[in-house]
Amino acid sequence: MKSNPAGKTLTSTIYLALGASHIGYLTNEPEQRMLSVFTHDPRKHSPDWIVLETREVSYTLPADFDPIAPQVAALQAKKAQITAEFSKAVADLNRQLSELQAIEYSGEAQ
């Protein structure tokens, strides 16, 4: 059962909030105000958030909306990144092993 059928108009409440640590921006540097947008009331998780306003936002999913394809693409990209990092780490270890194995050790003090 799909909770958001394709082509359906959905409405969500969003919360425009300011973190208590950003209050200085209101008086000192208004061009750098730090607003955050939440899909839940952030005060439920931290008393440091000041909710300035809530709004109802409506949006319509396209009839051909497919949430799976972008998730698969993101996972494939992450897999490629992790594979590249792993390959580099193994190559570095192999280089270190080769360098150590090339050193001759006689066991005698020099």
Protein backbone atom coordinates (compact mmCIF):
# COMPACT_ATOMS: atom_id res chain seq x y z
CA MET A 1 0.00 0.00 0.00
CA LYS A 2 1.47 3.36 -1.03
CA SER A 3 1.06 6.19 1.46
CA ASN A 4 1.62 8.86 -1.22
CA PRO A 5 -0.05 7.79 -4.46
CA ALA A 6 1.38 9.31 -7.63
CA GLY A 7 -0.36 12.43 -8.85
CA LYS A 8 -1.82 13.20 -5.44
CA THR A 9 -1.58 16.64 -3.85
CA LEU A 10 -0.08 16.46 -0.38
CA THR A 11 0.01 19.05 2.39
CA SER A 12 2.61 19.26 5.14
CA THR A 13 3.27 21.62 8.00
CA ILE A 14 6.71 23.18 8.02
CA TYR A 15 8.32 25.00 10.93
CA LEU A 16 10.56 28.02 10.37
CA ALA A 17 12.88 28.13 13.36
CA LEU A 18 15.89 29.91 14.70
CA GLY A 19 18.44 28.20 16.93
CA ALA A 20 19.04 29.98 20.24
CA SER A 21 22.76 30.07 19.42
CA HIS A 22 21.94 32.18 16.33
CA ILE A 23 20.06 34.94 18.16
CA GLY A 24 23.08 37.26 17.90
CA TYR A 25 22.53 37.36 14.15
CA LEU A 26 19.21 39.10 14.69
CA THR A 27 20.85 42.20 16.11
CA ASN A 28 24.45 42.07 14.92
CA GLU A 29 24.47 40.81 11.36
CA PRO A 30 20.99 40.57 9.85
CA GLU A 31 22.37 39.49 6.47
CA GLN A 32 23.58 36.28 8.08
CA ARG A 33 20.43 35.16 9.84
CA MET A 34 20.32 31.42 10.26
CA LEU A 35 16.80 30.08 9.71
CA SER A 36 16.13 26.38 9.60
CA VAL A 37 13.15 24.61 8.10
CA PHE A 38 11.75 21.49 9.75
CA THR A 39 8.96 19.08 8.94
CA HIS A 40 8.43 18.53 12.67
CA ASP A 41 8.35 20.82 15.69
CA PRO A 42 12.05 21.10 16.66
CA ARG A 43 11.16 22.18 20.22
CA LYS A 44 10.14 18.58 20.92
CA HIS A 45 13.80 17.57 20.53
CA SER A 46 15.62 20.61 21.88
CA PRO A 47 14.56 23.68 23.84
CA ASP A 48 17.20 25.68 21.92
CA TRP A 49 14.91 26.14 18.92
CA ILE A 50 12.62 29.15 18.62
CA VAL A 51 9.77 28.53 16.17
CA LEU A 52 9.11 31.79 14.34
CA GLU A 53 6.29 30.57 12.12
CA THR A 54 4.53 27.49 10.82
CA ARG A 55 3.15 27.18 7.32
CA GLU A 56 1.10 24.69 5.40
CA VAL A 57 2.84 23.72 2.17
CA SER A 58 1.05 21.83 -0.58
CA TYR A 59 2.79 20.00 -3.37
CA THR A 60 1.78 17.55 -6.04
CA LEU A 61 3.75 14.46 -6.85
CA PRO A 62 4.14 13.91 -10.59
CA ALA A 63 2.03 11.09 -11.99
CA ASP A 64 5.22 9.21 -12.92
CA PHE A 65 6.91 9.78 -9.54
CA ASP A 66 9.30 6.94 -8.72
CA PRO A 67 10.96 7.22 -5.31
CA ILE A 68 13.02 4.06 -5.88
CA ALA A 69 15.19 5.21 -8.81
CA PRO A 70 16.92 8.14 -7.05
CA GLN A 71 17.49 6.05 -3.94
CA VAL A 72 19.07 3.27 -6.01
CA ALA A 73 21.27 5.84 -7.80
CA ALA A 74 22.38 7.35 -4.49
CA LEU A 75 23.22 3.92 -3.06
CA GLN A 76 25.15 2.99 -6.20
CA ALA A 77 27.15 6.22 -5.97
CA LYS A 78 27.88 5.57 -2.29
CA LYS A 79 28.91 2.00 -3.12
CA ALA A 80 31.30 3.27 -5.81
CA GLN A 81 32.79 5.79 -3.36
CA ILE A 82 33.28 3.16 -0.63
CA THR A 83 34.73 0.69 -3.16
CA ALA A 84 37.24 3.31 -4.36
CA GLU A 85 38.23 4.17 -0.76
CA PHE A 86 38.61 0.47 0.06
CA SER A 87 40.70 -0.18 -3.06
CA LYS A 88 42.98 2.75 -2.22
CA ALA A 89 43.40 1.55 1.38
CA VAL A 90 44.25 -1.99 0.22
CA ALA A 91 46.73 -0.63 -2.33
CA ASP A 92 48.38 1.47 0.41
CA LEU A 93 48.64 -1.59 2.68
CA ASN A 94 50.07 -3.70 -0.15
CA ARG A 95 52.68 -0.99 -0.85
CA GLN A 96 53.66 -0.90 2.84
CA LEU A 97 53.92 -4.70 2.92
CA SER A 98 56.10 -4.71 -0.20
CA GLU A 99 58.39 -2.07 1.27
CA LEU A 100 58.75 -4.00 4.54
CA GLN A 101 59.36 -7.31 2.78
CA ALA A 102 62.09 -5.71 0.65
CA ILE A 103 64.10 -4.76 3.77
CA GLU A 104 66.84 -7.24 4.68
CA TYR A 105 67.20 -7.94 8.36
CA SER A 106 70.17 -9.83 9.68
CA GLY A 107 69.41 -9.55 13.39
CA GLU A 108 72.88 -8.20 14.14
CA ALA A 109 73.47 -4.83 15.77
CA GLN A 110 75.44 -2.43 13.65
